[in-house]
């Protein structure tokens, strides 16, 4: 199913913009503003009351401080992660980790408790073919996580719960088999590299590893193109102290949304998030001048995703992942076993 504008849903859900979809932590205090637009990328900000308590470290911060280890297991789709420090660490689905035998994308949002011990975490390879050290990198561990997956098709391949058995299905529509999903992730990475190369006017694949999504992200021409988006849009997410999440649209079509318990965690994730969104927008840029979705359409998207059929599974450490499947959208919520949610992600099918 292709992304839709949710016009019919907007008419169906005509409630005020602060009603309907918000979790208990933000009830009656939610509002949505926007759009803030640059070229083909439109942003909508979700404002609300921040949950109390200390803001956790992000995976990027924790790896830079050396208080978390992400460890190669020799299994393409499973890594190990360990928090050696005294603070909680937030891992977001889609975080890329660089190094090991292959760069990987982590598939689930979770909170790592202090002194967690070694915990398995599901992952997908985003660097097809390599299975050895790259340059001077440590083949046993992953050194950094400065990037997020910037392909909606790859996110669908990693996270969409519904099986779609046809091997000829469009990108982002695959079965539940891990091997089929991994193949689809590799296919989406190749597609993302191809479209980025066309739109920046030069190959983005890196000579040292032409299949690496991470190294493509670091391409100099792509960084230059991305800088214009960041200059125009990043300050908007840093202006207000009550922003707890955002929705973005590319070429006039809603793509996805992320919501956090606090402005503090949103701000920590913002630079990484907007850079990934800008990269995807560059890859999908066309000559047409898109019309941004209305606030009512954005609200309808969030409402529809939260009203989907729910299921849940226990995470490896102190958490639950709830998935809701609607006709046109998916909703993922990570929360603690003891109560309180950690991250909400919405994704258009």
C-alpha atoms as a PDB file:
ATOM      1  CA  UNK A   1       0.000   0.000   0.000  1.00  0.00           C
ATOM      2  CA  UNK A   2       1.342   3.417  -0.900  1.00  0.00           C
ATOM      3  CA  UNK A   3       1.406   6.383   1.429  1.00  0.00           C
ATOM      4  CA  UNK A   4      -1.832   8.334   1.379  1.00  0.00           C
ATOM      5  CA  UNK A   5      -2.876  11.835   2.314  1.00  0.00           C
ATOM      6  CA  UNK A   6      -5.508  10.634   4.830  1.00  0.00           C
ATOM      7  CA  UNK A   7      -8.045  13.127   3.526  1.00  0.00           C
ATOM      8  CA  UNK A   8     -10.981  10.799   4.192  1.00  0.00           C
ATOM      9  CA  UNK A   9      -9.674  10.084   7.664  1.00  0.00           C
ATOM     10  CA  UNK A  10      -9.335  13.766   8.378  1.00  0.00           C
ATOM     11  CA  UNK A  11     -13.043  14.163   7.798  1.00  0.00           C
ATOM     12  CA  UNK A  12     -13.815  11.163   9.973  1.00  0.00           C
ATOM     13  CA  UNK A  13     -11.754  12.397  12.926  1.00  0.00           C
ATOM     14  CA  UNK A  14     -12.852  15.998  13.315  1.00  0.00           C
ATOM     15  CA  UNK A  15     -12.001  16.208  17.037  1.00  0.00           C
ATOM     16  CA  UNK A  16      -9.927  19.150  18.274  1.00  0.00           C
ATOM     17  CA  UNK A  17      -6.189  18.747  17.686  1.00  0.00           C
ATOM     18  CA  UNK A  18      -5.421  18.096  21.354  1.00  0.00           C
ATOM     19  CA  UNK A  19      -7.902  15.265  21.726  1.00  0.00           C
ATOM     20  CA  UNK A  20      -8.012  11.593  20.873  1.00  0.00           C
ATOM     21  CA  UNK A  21      -4.605  10.053  20.302  1.00  0.00           C
ATOM     22  CA  UNK A  22      -2.398  11.226  23.174  1.00  0.00           C
ATOM     23  CA  UNK A  23      -1.092   8.828  25.812  1.00  0.00           C
ATOM     24  CA  UNK A  24      -1.924   9.335  29.497  1.00  0.00           C
ATOM     25  CA  UNK A  25       1.261  11.245  30.217  1.00  0.00           C
ATOM     26  CA  UNK A  26       0.172  14.031  27.878  1.00  0.00           C
ATOM     27  CA  UNK A  27      -3.628  13.897  28.107  1.00  0.00           C
ATOM     28  CA  UNK A  28      -5.353  17.230  27.444  1.00  0.00           C
ATOM     29  CA  UNK A  29      -2.031  19.022  26.945  1.00  0.00           C
ATOM     30  CA  UNK A  30      -1.228  18.081  23.364  1.00  0.00           C
ATOM     31  CA  UNK A  31      -1.234  20.481  20.435  1.00  0.00           C
ATOM     32  CA  UNK A  32       0.225  20.236  16.950  1.00  0.00           C
ATOM     33  CA  UNK A  33       1.829  23.124  15.063  1.00  0.00           C
ATOM     34  CA  UNK A  34       3.175  23.538  11.560  1.00  0.00           C
ATOM     35  CA  UNK A  35       4.036  22.970   8.921  1.00  0.00           C
ATOM     36  CA  UNK A  36       7.581  24.284   8.763  1.00  0.00           C
ATOM     37  CA  UNK A  37       8.710  23.609   5.204  1.00  0.00           C
ATOM     38  CA  UNK A  38      11.891  23.493   3.176  1.00  0.00           C
ATOM     39  CA  UNK A  39      11.758  22.237  -0.407  1.00  0.00           C
ATOM     40  CA  UNK A  40       9.863  18.917  -0.287  1.00  0.00           C
ATOM     41  CA  UNK A  41      10.140  18.295   3.485  1.00  0.00           C
ATOM     42  CA  UNK A  42       7.415  19.509   5.871  1.00  0.00           C
ATOM     43  CA  UNK A  43       7.593  19.258   9.669  1.00  0.00           C
ATOM     44  CA  UNK A  44       4.792  19.352  12.255  1.00  0.00           C
ATOM     45  CA  UNK A  45       5.651  19.642  15.941  1.00  0.00           C
ATOM     46  CA  UNK A  46       3.831  17.902  18.778  1.00  0.00           C
ATOM     47  CA  UNK A  47       3.771  19.978  21.961  1.00  0.00           C
ATOM     48  CA  UNK A  48       3.003  18.573  25.391  1.00  0.00           C
ATOM     49  CA  UNK A  49       3.968  18.340  29.049  1.00  0.00           C
ATOM     50  CA  UNK A  50       7.254  16.555  29.697  1.00  0.00           C
ATOM     51  CA  UNK A  51       7.283  13.602  32.057  1.00  0.00           C
ATOM     52  CA  UNK A  52       9.369  14.222  35.206  1.00  0.00           C
ATOM     53  CA  UNK A  53      12.667  12.509  35.900  1.00  0.00           C
ATOM     54  CA  UNK A  54      16.172  12.376  34.536  1.00  0.00           C
ATOM     55  CA  UNK A  55      16.552  12.234  30.762  1.00  0.00           C
ATOM     56  CA  UNK A  56      18.407   9.055  29.730  1.00  0.00           C
ATOM     57  CA  UNK A  57      21.553   9.020  27.653  1.00  0.00           C
ATOM     58  CA  UNK A  58      21.039   8.252  23.990  1.00  0.00           C
ATOM     59  CA  UNK A  59      22.894   5.367  22.370  1.00  0.00           C
ATOM     60  CA  UNK A  60      24.993   7.910  20.473  1.00  0.00           C
ATOM     61  CA  UNK A  61      26.011   9.628  23.718  1.00  0.00           C
ATOM     62  CA  UNK A  62      26.640   6.372  25.564  1.00  0.00           C
ATOM     63  CA  UNK A  63      28.893   4.952  22.841  1.00  0.00           C
ATOM     64  CA  UNK A  64      30.842   8.224  22.701  1.00  0.00           C
ATOM     65  CA  UNK A  65      31.318   8.090  26.483  1.00  0.00           C
ATOM     66  CA  UNK A  66      32.318   4.423  26.378  1.00  0.00           C
ATOM     67  CA  UNK A  67      29.611   3.385  28.843  1.00  0.00           C
ATOM     68  CA  UNK A  68      27.760   1.131  26.407  1.00  0.00           C
ATOM     69  CA  UNK A  69      29.118  -1.682  24.264  1.00  0.00           C
ATOM     70  CA  UNK A  70      27.409  -3.003  21.146  1.00  0.00           C
ATOM     71  CA  UNK A  71      28.974  -6.362  20.447  1.00  0.00           C
ATOM     72  CA  UNK A  72      29.231  -8.506  17.318  1.00  0.00           C
ATOM     73  CA  UNK A  73      27.786 -11.999  17.808  1.00  0.00           C
ATOM     74  CA  UNK A  74      28.478 -13.477  14.394  1.00  0.00           C
ATOM     75  CA  UNK A  75      24.726 -13.572  13.713  1.00  0.00           C
ATOM     76  CA  UNK A  76      23.603 -11.084  11.060  1.00  0.00           C
ATOM     77  CA  UNK A  77      20.285 -10.420  12.788  1.00  0.00           C
ATOM     78  CA  UNK A  78      21.305 -10.469  16.454  1.00  0.00           C
ATOM     79  CA  UNK A  79      23.784  -8.290  18.310  1.00  0.00           C
ATOM     80  CA  UNK A  80      24.500  -7.935  22.020  1.00  0.00           C
ATOM     81  CA  UNK A  81      24.345  -4.680  23.950  1.00  0.00           C
ATOM     82  CA  UNK A  82      25.535  -3.867  27.460  1.00  0.00           C
ATOM     83  CA  UNK A  83      25.215  -0.763  29.611  1.00  0.00           C
ATOM     84  CA  UNK A  84      28.278  -0.493  31.836  1.00  0.00           C
ATOM     85  CA  UNK A  85      27.330   2.866  33.299  1.00  0.00           C
ATOM     86  CA  UNK A  86      25.124   4.267  36.058  1.00  0.00           C
ATOM     87  CA  UNK A  87      22.505   5.946  33.828  1.00  0.00           C
ATOM     88  CA  UNK A  88      19.676   4.582  31.724  1.00  0.00           C
ATOM     89  CA  UNK A  89      20.357   4.538  27.979  1.00  0.00           C
ATOM     90  CA  UNK A  90      17.704   5.026  25.317  1.00  0.00           C
ATOM     91  CA  UNK A  91      17.994   2.969  22.130  1.00  0.00           C
ATOM     92  CA  UNK A  92      15.658   3.940  19.277  1.00  0.00           C
ATOM     93  CA  UNK A  93      14.472   1.630  16.535  1.00  0.00           C
ATOM     94  CA  UNK A  94      16.358   2.497  13.371  1.00  0.00           C
ATOM     95  CA  UNK A  95      19.579   3.520  15.149  1.00  0.00           C
ATOM     96  CA  UNK A  96      22.527   2.574  12.922  1.00  0.00           C
ATOM     97  CA  UNK A  97      25.639   1.172  14.559  1.00  0.00           C
ATOM     98  CA  UNK A  98      28.882   1.434  12.611  1.00  0.00           C
ATOM     99  CA  UNK A  99      31.607  -1.200  12.624  1.00  0.00           C
ATOM    100  CA  UNK A 100      31.633  -4.884  13.500  1.00  0.00           C
ATOM    101  CA  UNK A 101      31.528  -7.339  10.608  1.00  0.00           C
ATOM    102  CA  UNK A 102      28.746  -5.301   8.963  1.00  0.00           C
ATOM    103  CA  UNK A 103      26.994  -2.040   9.823  1.00  0.00           C
ATOM    104  CA  UNK A 104      23.606  -2.811  11.390  1.00  0.00           C
ATOM    105  CA  UNK A 105      20.276  -1.124  12.091  1.00  0.00           C
ATOM    106  CA  UNK A 106      18.708  -1.869  15.490  1.00  0.00           C
ATOM    107  CA  UNK A 107      15.039  -2.772  15.216  1.00  0.00           C
ATOM    108  CA  UNK A 108      13.424  -1.916  18.535  1.00  0.00           C
ATOM    109  CA  UNK A 109      13.243   1.014  20.938  1.00  0.00           C
ATOM    110  CA  UNK A 110      14.184   0.180  24.521  1.00  0.00           C
ATOM    111  CA  UNK A 111      15.669   1.517  27.737  1.00  0.00           C
ATOM    112  CA  UNK A 112      18.841  -0.136  28.960  1.00  0.00           C
ATOM    113  CA  UNK A 113      19.035  -0.075  32.768  1.00  0.00           C
ATOM    114  CA  UNK A 114      22.311   0.759  34.527  1.00  0.00           C
ATOM    115  CA  UNK A 115      24.733  -2.184  34.744  1.00  0.00           C
ATOM    116  CA  UNK A 116      22.404  -4.126  32.469  1.00  0.00           C
ATOM    117  CA  UNK A 117      24.580  -7.088  31.702  1.00  0.00           C
ATOM    118  CA  UNK A 118      24.805  -8.374  28.146  1.00  0.00           C
ATOM    119  CA  UNK A 119      21.420  -8.332  26.370  1.00  0.00           C
ATOM    120  CA  UNK A 120      20.526  -9.619  22.886  1.00  0.00           C
ATOM    121  CA  UNK A 121      19.064  -7.078  20.490  1.00  0.00           C
ATOM    122  CA  UNK A 122      17.569  -7.701  17.047  1.00  0.00           C
ATOM    123  CA  UNK A 123      19.242  -6.043  14.078  1.00  0.00           C
ATOM    124  CA  UNK A 124      19.341  -5.976  10.296  1.00  0.00           C
ATOM    125  CA  UNK A 125      22.438  -5.604   8.152  1.00  0.00           C
ATOM    126  CA  UNK A 126      22.620  -2.386   6.122  1.00  0.00           C
ATOM    127  CA  UNK A 127      25.914  -3.247   4.422  1.00  0.00           C
ATOM    128  CA  UNK A 128      25.536  -6.233   2.129  1.00  0.00           C
ATOM    129  CA  UNK A 129      28.543  -8.478   1.545  1.00  0.00           C
ATOM    130  CA  UNK A 130      31.131  -7.353   4.107  1.00  0.00           C
ATOM    131  CA  UNK A 131      31.908  -9.883   6.845  1.00  0.00           C
ATOM    132  CA  UNK A 132      35.301  -8.741   8.095  1.00  0.00           C
ATOM    133  CA  UNK A 133      37.014  -5.699   9.582  1.00  0.00           C
ATOM    134  CA  UNK A 134      36.727  -2.467   7.575  1.00  0.00           C
ATOM    135  CA  UNK A 135      39.923  -0.463   7.644  1.00  0.00           C
ATOM    136  CA  UNK A 136      41.093   0.045  11.227  1.00  0.00           C
ATOM    137  CA  UNK A 137      37.681  -0.631  12.811  1.00  0.00           C
ATOM    138  CA  UNK A 138      37.268  -3.230  15.555  1.00  0.00           C
ATOM    139  CA  UNK A 139      35.505  -6.224  14.057  1.00  0.00           C
ATOM    140  CA  UNK A 140      34.198  -7.259  17.498  1.00  0.00           C
ATOM    141  CA  UNK A 141      32.325  -4.101  18.463  1.00  0.00           C
ATOM    142  CA  UNK A 142      30.546  -1.042  17.052  1.00  0.00           C
ATOM    143  CA  UNK A 143      32.092   2.329  17.733  1.00  0.00           C
ATOM    144  CA  UNK A 144      29.363   4.869  16.991  1.00  0.00           C
ATOM    145  CA  UNK A 145      25.681   5.485  16.320  1.00  0.00           C
ATOM    146  CA  UNK A 146      25.392   8.929  14.782  1.00  0.00           C
ATOM    147  CA  UNK A 147      22.836   8.048  12.110  1.00  0.00           C
ATOM    148  CA  UNK A 148      19.322   6.627  11.792  1.00  0.00           C
ATOM    149  CA  UNK A 149      17.814   4.562   8.995  1.00  0.00           C
ATOM    150  CA  UNK A 150      16.639   7.100   6.426  1.00  0.00           C
ATOM    151  CA  UNK A 151      14.522   4.866   4.194  1.00  0.00           C
ATOM    152  CA  UNK A 152      10.836   4.300   4.895  1.00  0.00           C
ATOM    153  CA  UNK A 153      11.025   1.137   2.798  1.00  0.00           C
ATOM    154  CA  UNK A 154      13.774  -0.244   5.046  1.00  0.00           C
ATOM    155  CA  UNK A 155      11.759   0.631   8.157  1.00  0.00           C
ATOM    156  CA  UNK A 156       8.763  -1.225   6.727  1.00  0.00           C
ATOM    157  CA  UNK A 157      10.902  -4.245   5.920  1.00  0.00           C
ATOM    158  CA  UNK A 158      12.291  -4.337   9.459  1.00  0.00           C
ATOM    159  CA  UNK A 159       9.144  -3.522  11.434  1.00  0.00           C
ATOM    160  CA  UNK A 160       5.883  -4.163   9.543  1.00  0.00           C
ATOM    161  CA  UNK A 161       4.134  -7.077  11.295  1.00  0.00           C
ATOM    162  CA  UNK A 162       1.943  -8.308   8.446  1.00  0.00           C
ATOM    163  CA  UNK A 163       3.313 -11.048   6.199  1.00  0.00           C
ATOM    164  CA  UNK A 164       3.138 -10.414   2.469  1.00  0.00           C
ATOM    165  CA  UNK A 165       4.392 -13.628   0.864  1.00  0.00           C
ATOM    166  CA  UNK A 166       4.955 -12.619  -2.768  1.00  0.00           C
ATOM    167  CA  UNK A 167       8.688 -12.407  -3.588  1.00  0.00           C
ATOM    168  CA  UNK A 168       7.842  -9.794  -6.236  1.00  0.00           C
ATOM    169  CA  UNK A 169       6.045  -7.445  -3.846  1.00  0.00           C
ATOM    170  CA  UNK A 170       7.023  -3.751  -3.832  1.00  0.00           C
ATOM    171  CA  UNK A 171       9.802  -2.498  -1.592  1.00  0.00           C
ATOM    172  CA  UNK A 172       8.672  -2.404   2.025  1.00  0.00           C
ATOM    173  CA  UNK A 173       6.085  -5.212   1.692  1.00  0.00           C
ATOM    174  CA  UNK A 174       7.572  -8.529   2.811  1.00  0.00           C
ATOM    175  CA  UNK A 175       6.783 -11.594   4.846  1.00  0.00           C
ATOM    176  CA  UNK A 176       7.603 -12.304   8.466  1.00  0.00           C
ATOM    177  CA  UNK A 177      10.584 -14.532   7.632  1.00  0.00           C
ATOM    178  CA  UNK A 178      13.788 -12.849   8.844  1.00  0.00           C
ATOM    179  CA  UNK A 179      15.726 -13.894   5.763  1.00  0.00           C
ATOM    180  CA  UNK A 180      13.117 -12.388   3.434  1.00  0.00           C
ATOM    181  CA  UNK A 181      13.085  -9.196   5.473  1.00  0.00           C
ATOM    182  CA  UNK A 182      16.898  -8.991   5.376  1.00  0.00           C
ATOM    183  CA  UNK A 183      16.845  -9.338   1.597  1.00  0.00           C
ATOM    184  CA  UNK A 184      14.273  -6.568   1.439  1.00  0.00           C
ATOM    185  CA  UNK A 185      16.402  -4.292   3.640  1.00  0.00           C
ATOM    186  CA  UNK A 186      19.356  -4.771   1.294  1.00  0.00           C
ATOM    187  CA  UNK A 187      17.102  -4.032  -1.680  1.00  0.00           C
ATOM    188  CA  UNK A 188      15.826  -0.841  -0.042  1.00  0.00           C
ATOM    189  CA  UNK A 189      19.407   0.256   0.727  1.00  0.00           C
ATOM    190  CA  UNK A 190      20.375  -0.148  -2.923  1.00  0.00           C
ATOM    191  CA  UNK A 191      17.293   1.789  -3.992  1.00  0.00           C
ATOM    192  CA  UNK A 192      18.054   4.604  -1.511  1.00  0.00           C
ATOM    193  CA  UNK A 193      21.643   4.861  -2.753  1.00  0.00           C
ATOM    194  CA  UNK A 194      20.462   4.987  -6.378  1.00  0.00           C
ATOM    195  CA  UNK A 195      17.954   7.793  -5.811  1.00  0.00           C
ATOM    196  CA  UNK A 196      20.368   9.795  -3.657  1.00  0.00           C
ATOM    197  CA  UNK A 197      23.069   9.481  -6.320  1.00  0.00           C
ATOM    198  CA  UNK A 198      20.703  10.745  -9.016  1.00  0.00           C
ATOM    199  CA  UNK A 199      19.552  13.700  -6.962  1.00  0.00           C
ATOM    200  CA  UNK A 200      22.978  14.884  -5.763  1.00  0.00           C
ATOM    201  CA  UNK A 201      24.542  14.322  -9.175  1.00  0.00           C
ATOM    202  CA  UNK A 202      27.257  11.885  -8.096  1.00  0.00           C
ATOM    203  CA  UNK A 203      27.560   8.340  -6.707  1.00  0.00           C
ATOM    204  CA  UNK A 204      27.085   8.259  -2.922  1.00  0.00           C
ATOM    205  CA  UNK A 205      28.449   4.722  -2.488  1.00  0.00           C
ATOM    206  CA  UNK A 206      31.794   4.742  -0.674  1.00  0.00           C
ATOM    207  CA  UNK A 207      34.787   3.009  -2.324  1.00  0.00           C
ATOM    208  CA  UNK A 208      35.714   1.217   0.918  1.00  0.00           C
ATOM    209  CA  UNK A 209      32.252  -0.382   1.124  1.00  0.00           C
ATOM    210  CA  UNK A 210      29.851   0.352  -1.708  1.00  0.00           C
ATOM    211  CA  UNK A 211      26.891  -1.300   0.013  1.00  0.00           C
ATOM    212  CA  UNK A 212      27.128   0.601   3.314  1.00  0.00           C
ATOM    213  CA  UNK A 213      24.126   2.799   4.090  1.00  0.00           C
ATOM    214  CA  UNK A 214      26.169   4.531   6.804  1.00  0.00           C
ATOM    215  CA  UNK A 215      29.059   5.431   4.493  1.00  0.00           C
ATOM    216  CA  UNK A 216      26.662   6.642   1.807  1.00  0.00           C
ATOM    217  CA  UNK A 217      25.195   8.983   4.421  1.00  0.00           C
ATOM    218  CA  UNK A 218      28.690  10.436   4.943  1.00  0.00           C
ATOM    219  CA  UNK A 219      29.148  11.300   1.245  1.00  0.00           C
ATOM    220  CA  UNK A 220      30.431  14.875   0.823  1.00  0.00           C
ATOM    221  CA  UNK A 221      27.960  15.934  -1.884  1.00  0.00           C
ATOM    222  CA  UNK A 222      25.082  14.516   0.132  1.00  0.00           C
ATOM    223  CA  UNK A 223      26.265  16.382   3.226  1.00  0.00           C
ATOM    224  CA  UNK A 224      26.253  19.629   1.233  1.00  0.00           C
ATOM    225  CA  UNK A 225      22.714  19.020  -0.027  1.00  0.00           C
ATOM    226  CA  UNK A 226      21.544  18.067   3.459  1.00  0.00           C
ATOM    227  CA  UNK A 227      23.042  21.188   5.026  1.00  0.00           C
ATOM    228  CA  UNK A 228      20.460  23.406   3.309  1.00  0.00           C
ATOM    229  CA  UNK A 229      17.611  21.419   4.846  1.00  0.00           C
ATOM    230  CA  UNK A 230      19.206  21.471   8.281  1.00  0.00           C
ATOM    231  CA  UNK A 231      19.830  25.213   8.179  1.00  0.00           C
ATOM    232  CA  UNK A 232      16.193  25.843   7.305  1.00  0.00           C
ATOM    233  CA  UNK A 233      14.501  23.295   9.572  1.00  0.00           C
ATOM    234  CA  UNK A 234      16.630  22.222  12.532  1.00  0.00           C
ATOM    235  CA  UNK A 235      16.205  25.482  14.523  1.00  0.00           C
ATOM    236  CA  UNK A 236      12.411  25.049  14.452  1.00  0.00           C
ATOM    237  CA  UNK A 237      12.703  21.955  16.630  1.00  0.00           C
ATOM    238  CA  UNK A 238      14.952  23.751  19.102  1.00  0.00           C
ATOM    239  CA  UNK A 239      12.791  26.841  19.575  1.00  0.00           C
ATOM    240  CA  UNK A 240      10.105  25.707  22.042  1.00  0.00           C
ATOM    241  CA  UNK A 241      10.670  23.950  25.350  1.00  0.00           C
ATOM    242  CA  UNK A 242       7.446  21.926  25.167  1.00  0.00           C
ATOM    243  CA  UNK A 243       8.090  20.030  21.912  1.00  0.00           C
ATOM    244  CA  UNK A 244       7.927  16.307  22.625  1.00  0.00           C
ATOM    245  CA  UNK A 245       7.633  14.898  19.099  1.00  0.00           C
ATOM    246  CA  UNK A 246       7.105  15.565  15.442  1.00  0.00           C
ATOM    247  CA  UNK A 247       5.522  14.339  12.221  1.00  0.00           C
ATOM    248  CA  UNK A 248       7.099  14.758   8.813  1.00  0.00           C
ATOM    249  CA  UNK A 249       5.871  14.666   5.235  1.00  0.00           C
ATOM    250  CA  UNK A 250       7.835  14.333   2.007  1.00  0.00           C
ATOM    251  CA  UNK A 251       6.439  15.477  -1.344  1.00  0.00           C
ATOM    252  CA  UNK A 252       3.126  16.305   0.315  1.00  0.00           C
ATOM    253  CA  UNK A 253       2.655  12.806   1.798  1.00  0.00           C
ATOM    254  CA  UNK A 254       2.939  11.951   5.487  1.00  0.00           C
ATOM    255  CA  UNK A 255       5.839   9.610   6.193  1.00  0.00           C
ATOM    256  CA  UNK A 256       6.114   8.945   9.932  1.00  0.00           C
ATOM    257  CA  UNK A 257       6.198  10.410  13.439  1.00  0.00           C
ATOM    258  CA  UNK A 258       8.130  10.022  16.686  1.00  0.00           C
ATOM    259  CA  UNK A 259       7.008  11.093  20.161  1.00  0.00           C
ATOM    260  CA  UNK A 260       9.046  11.079  23.372  1.00  0.00           C
ATOM    261  CA  UNK A 261       8.110  11.404  27.060  1.00  0.00           C
ATOM    262  CA  UNK A 262       9.996  14.687  27.410  1.00  0.00           C
ATOM    263  CA  UNK A 263      11.373  17.660  25.558  1.00  0.00           C
ATOM    264  CA  UNK A 264      14.780  16.704  26.919  1.00  0.00           C
ATOM    265  CA  UNK A 265      14.829  13.363  25.102  1.00  0.00           C
ATOM    266  CA  UNK A 266      13.292  14.881  21.965  1.00  0.00           C
ATOM    267  CA  UNK A 267      16.093  17.456  21.841  1.00  0.00           C
ATOM    268  CA  UNK A 268      18.750  14.777  22.249  1.00  0.00           C
ATOM    269  CA  UNK A 269      17.329  12.840  19.291  1.00  0.00           C
ATOM    270  CA  UNK A 270      16.421  15.836  17.128  1.00  0.00           C
ATOM    271  CA  UNK A 271      19.674  16.448  15.219  1.00  0.00           C
ATOM    272  CA  UNK A 272      19.958  12.780  14.308  1.00  0.00           C
ATOM    273  CA  UNK A 273      16.291  12.590  13.321  1.00  0.00           C
ATOM    274  CA  UNK A 274      16.095  15.698  11.150  1.00  0.00           C
ATOM    275  CA  UNK A 275      19.307  14.718   9.343  1.00  0.00           C
ATOM    276  CA  UNK A 276      17.784  11.331   8.471  1.00  0.00           C
ATOM    277  CA  UNK A 277      14.530  12.982   7.328  1.00  0.00           C
ATOM    278  CA  UNK A 278      16.432  15.454   5.153  1.00  0.00           C
ATOM    279  CA  UNK A 279      18.418  12.632   3.576  1.00  0.00           C
ATOM    280  CA  UNK A 280      15.239  10.775   2.687  1.00  0.00           C
ATOM    281  CA  UNK A 281      13.713  13.964   1.271  1.00  0.00           C
ATOM    282  CA  UNK A 282      16.755  14.513  -0.940  1.00  0.00           C
ATOM    283  CA  UNK A 283      16.422  10.985  -2.274  1.00  0.00           C
ATOM    284  CA  UNK A 284      12.738  11.527  -3.092  1.00  0.00           C
ATOM    285  CA  UNK A 285      12.966  15.096  -4.393  1.00  0.00           C
ATOM    286  CA  UNK A 286      11.081  15.782  -7.603  1.00  0.00           C
ATOM    287  CA  UNK A 287      10.398  18.781  -9.818  1.00  0.00           C
ATOM    288  CA  UNK A 288       6.848  19.156  -8.511  1.00  0.00           C
ATOM    289  CA  UNK A 289       6.041  21.694  -5.787  1.00  0.00           C
ATOM    290  CA  UNK A 290       4.136  19.640  -3.198  1.00  0.00           C
ATOM    291  CA  UNK A 291       1.295  20.958  -1.076  1.00  0.00           C
ATOM    292  CA  UNK A 292       1.851  20.171   2.605  1.00  0.00           C
ATOM    293  CA  UNK A 293      -0.814  18.144   4.439  1.00  0.00           C
ATOM    294  CA  UNK A 294      -3.157  20.112   6.704  1.00  0.00           C
ATOM    295  CA  UNK A 295      -3.103  19.811  10.484  1.00  0.00           C
ATOM    296  CA  UNK A 296      -6.375  17.879  10.271  1.00  0.00           C
ATOM    297  CA  UNK A 297      -4.756  15.309   7.982  1.00  0.00           C
ATOM    298  CA  UNK A 298      -1.780  14.982  10.343  1.00  0.00           C
ATOM    299  CA  UNK A 299      -4.128  14.489  13.290  1.00  0.00           C
ATOM    300  CA  UNK A 300      -6.093  11.866  11.345  1.00  0.00           C
ATOM    301  CA  UNK A 301      -2.899   9.921  10.642  1.00  0.00           C
ATOM    302  CA  UNK A 302      -2.008   9.788  14.347  1.00  0.00           C
ATOM    303  CA  UNK A 303      -5.568   8.865  15.333  1.00  0.00           C
ATOM    304  CA  UNK A 304      -5.840   6.125  12.747  1.00  0.00           C
ATOM    305  CA  UNK A 305      -2.544   4.522  13.747  1.00  0.00           C
ATOM    306  CA  UNK A 306      -3.476   4.455  17.435  1.00  0.00           C
ATOM    307  CA  UNK A 307      -6.841   2.853  16.671  1.00  0.00           C
ATOM    308  CA  UNK A 308      -5.241  -0.138  14.957  1.00  0.00           C
ATOM    309  CA  UNK A 309      -5.495  -3.735  16.106  1.00  0.00           C
ATOM    310  CA  UNK A 310      -3.085  -4.191  19.036  1.00  0.00           C
ATOM    311  CA  UNK A 311      -0.637  -6.902  20.018  1.00  0.00           C
ATOM    312  CA  UNK A 312       2.320  -6.848  22.361  1.00  0.00           C
ATOM    313  CA  UNK A 313       5.494  -8.720  23.179  1.00  0.00           C
ATOM    314  CA  UNK A 314       7.975  -8.569  26.013  1.00  0.00           C
ATOM    315  CA  UNK A 315      11.345  -6.980  25.308  1.00  0.00           C
ATOM    316  CA  UNK A 316      14.630  -8.535  26.512  1.00  0.00           C
ATOM    317  CA  UNK A 317      14.860  -6.190  29.497  1.00  0.00           C
ATOM    318  CA  UNK A 318      12.146  -4.479  31.569  1.00  0.00           C
ATOM    319  CA  UNK A 319       9.895  -3.466  28.708  1.00  0.00           C
ATOM    320  CA  UNK A 320       7.006  -4.198  26.380  1.00  0.00           C
ATOM    321  CA  UNK A 321       6.552  -3.383  22.713  1.00  0.00           C
ATOM    322  CA  UNK A 322       2.959  -2.798  21.626  1.00  0.00           C
ATOM    323  CA  UNK A 323       2.188  -2.811  17.916  1.00  0.00           C
ATOM    324  CA  UNK A 324      -1.076  -1.562  16.422  1.00  0.00           C
ATOM    325  CA  UNK A 325      -1.990  -2.272  12.819  1.00  0.00           C
ATOM    326  CA  UNK A 326      -4.479  -0.046  11.004  1.00  0.00           C
ATOM    327  CA  UNK A 327      -5.453  -0.076   7.354  1.00  0.00           C
ATOM    328  CA  UNK A 328      -3.073   2.705   6.372  1.00  0.00           C
ATOM    329  CA  UNK A 329      -0.691   3.113   9.305  1.00  0.00           C
ATOM    330  CA  UNK A 330       1.336   1.314  11.965  1.00  0.00           C
ATOM    331  CA  UNK A 331       1.909   2.336  15.576  1.00  0.00           C
ATOM    332  CA  UNK A 332       4.717   1.115  17.859  1.00  0.00           C
ATOM    333  CA  UNK A 333       4.894   1.958  21.555  1.00  0.00           C
ATOM    334  CA  UNK A 334       7.677   0.891  23.898  1.00  0.00           C
ATOM    335  CA  UNK A 335       6.876   1.085  27.594  1.00  0.00           C
ATOM    336  CA  UNK A 336       8.308  -0.065  30.890  1.00  0.00           C
ATOM    337  CA  UNK A 337       6.958  -3.177  32.574  1.00  0.00           C
ATOM    338  CA  UNK A 338       6.411  -0.995  35.634  1.00  0.00           C
ATOM    339  CA  UNK A 339       4.367   1.539  33.638  1.00  0.00           C
ATOM    340  CA  UNK A 340       5.084   4.652  31.608  1.00  0.00           C
ATOM    341  CA  UNK A 341       5.888   4.734  27.912  1.00  0.00           C
ATOM    342  CA  UNK A 342       9.337   5.313  26.486  1.00  0.00           C
ATOM    343  CA  UNK A 343       8.839   5.994  22.767  1.00  0.00           C
ATOM    344  CA  UNK A 344       6.002   6.143  20.225  1.00  0.00           C
ATOM    345  CA  UNK A 345       6.587   5.654  16.529  1.00  0.00           C
ATOM    346  CA  UNK A 346       3.985   6.035  13.768  1.00  0.00           C
ATOM    347  CA  UNK A 347       4.616   4.819  10.234  1.00  0.00           C
ATOM    348  CA  UNK A 348       2.524   5.168   7.088  1.00  0.00           C
ATOM    349  CA  UNK A 349       2.169   1.903   5.182  1.00  0.00           C
END
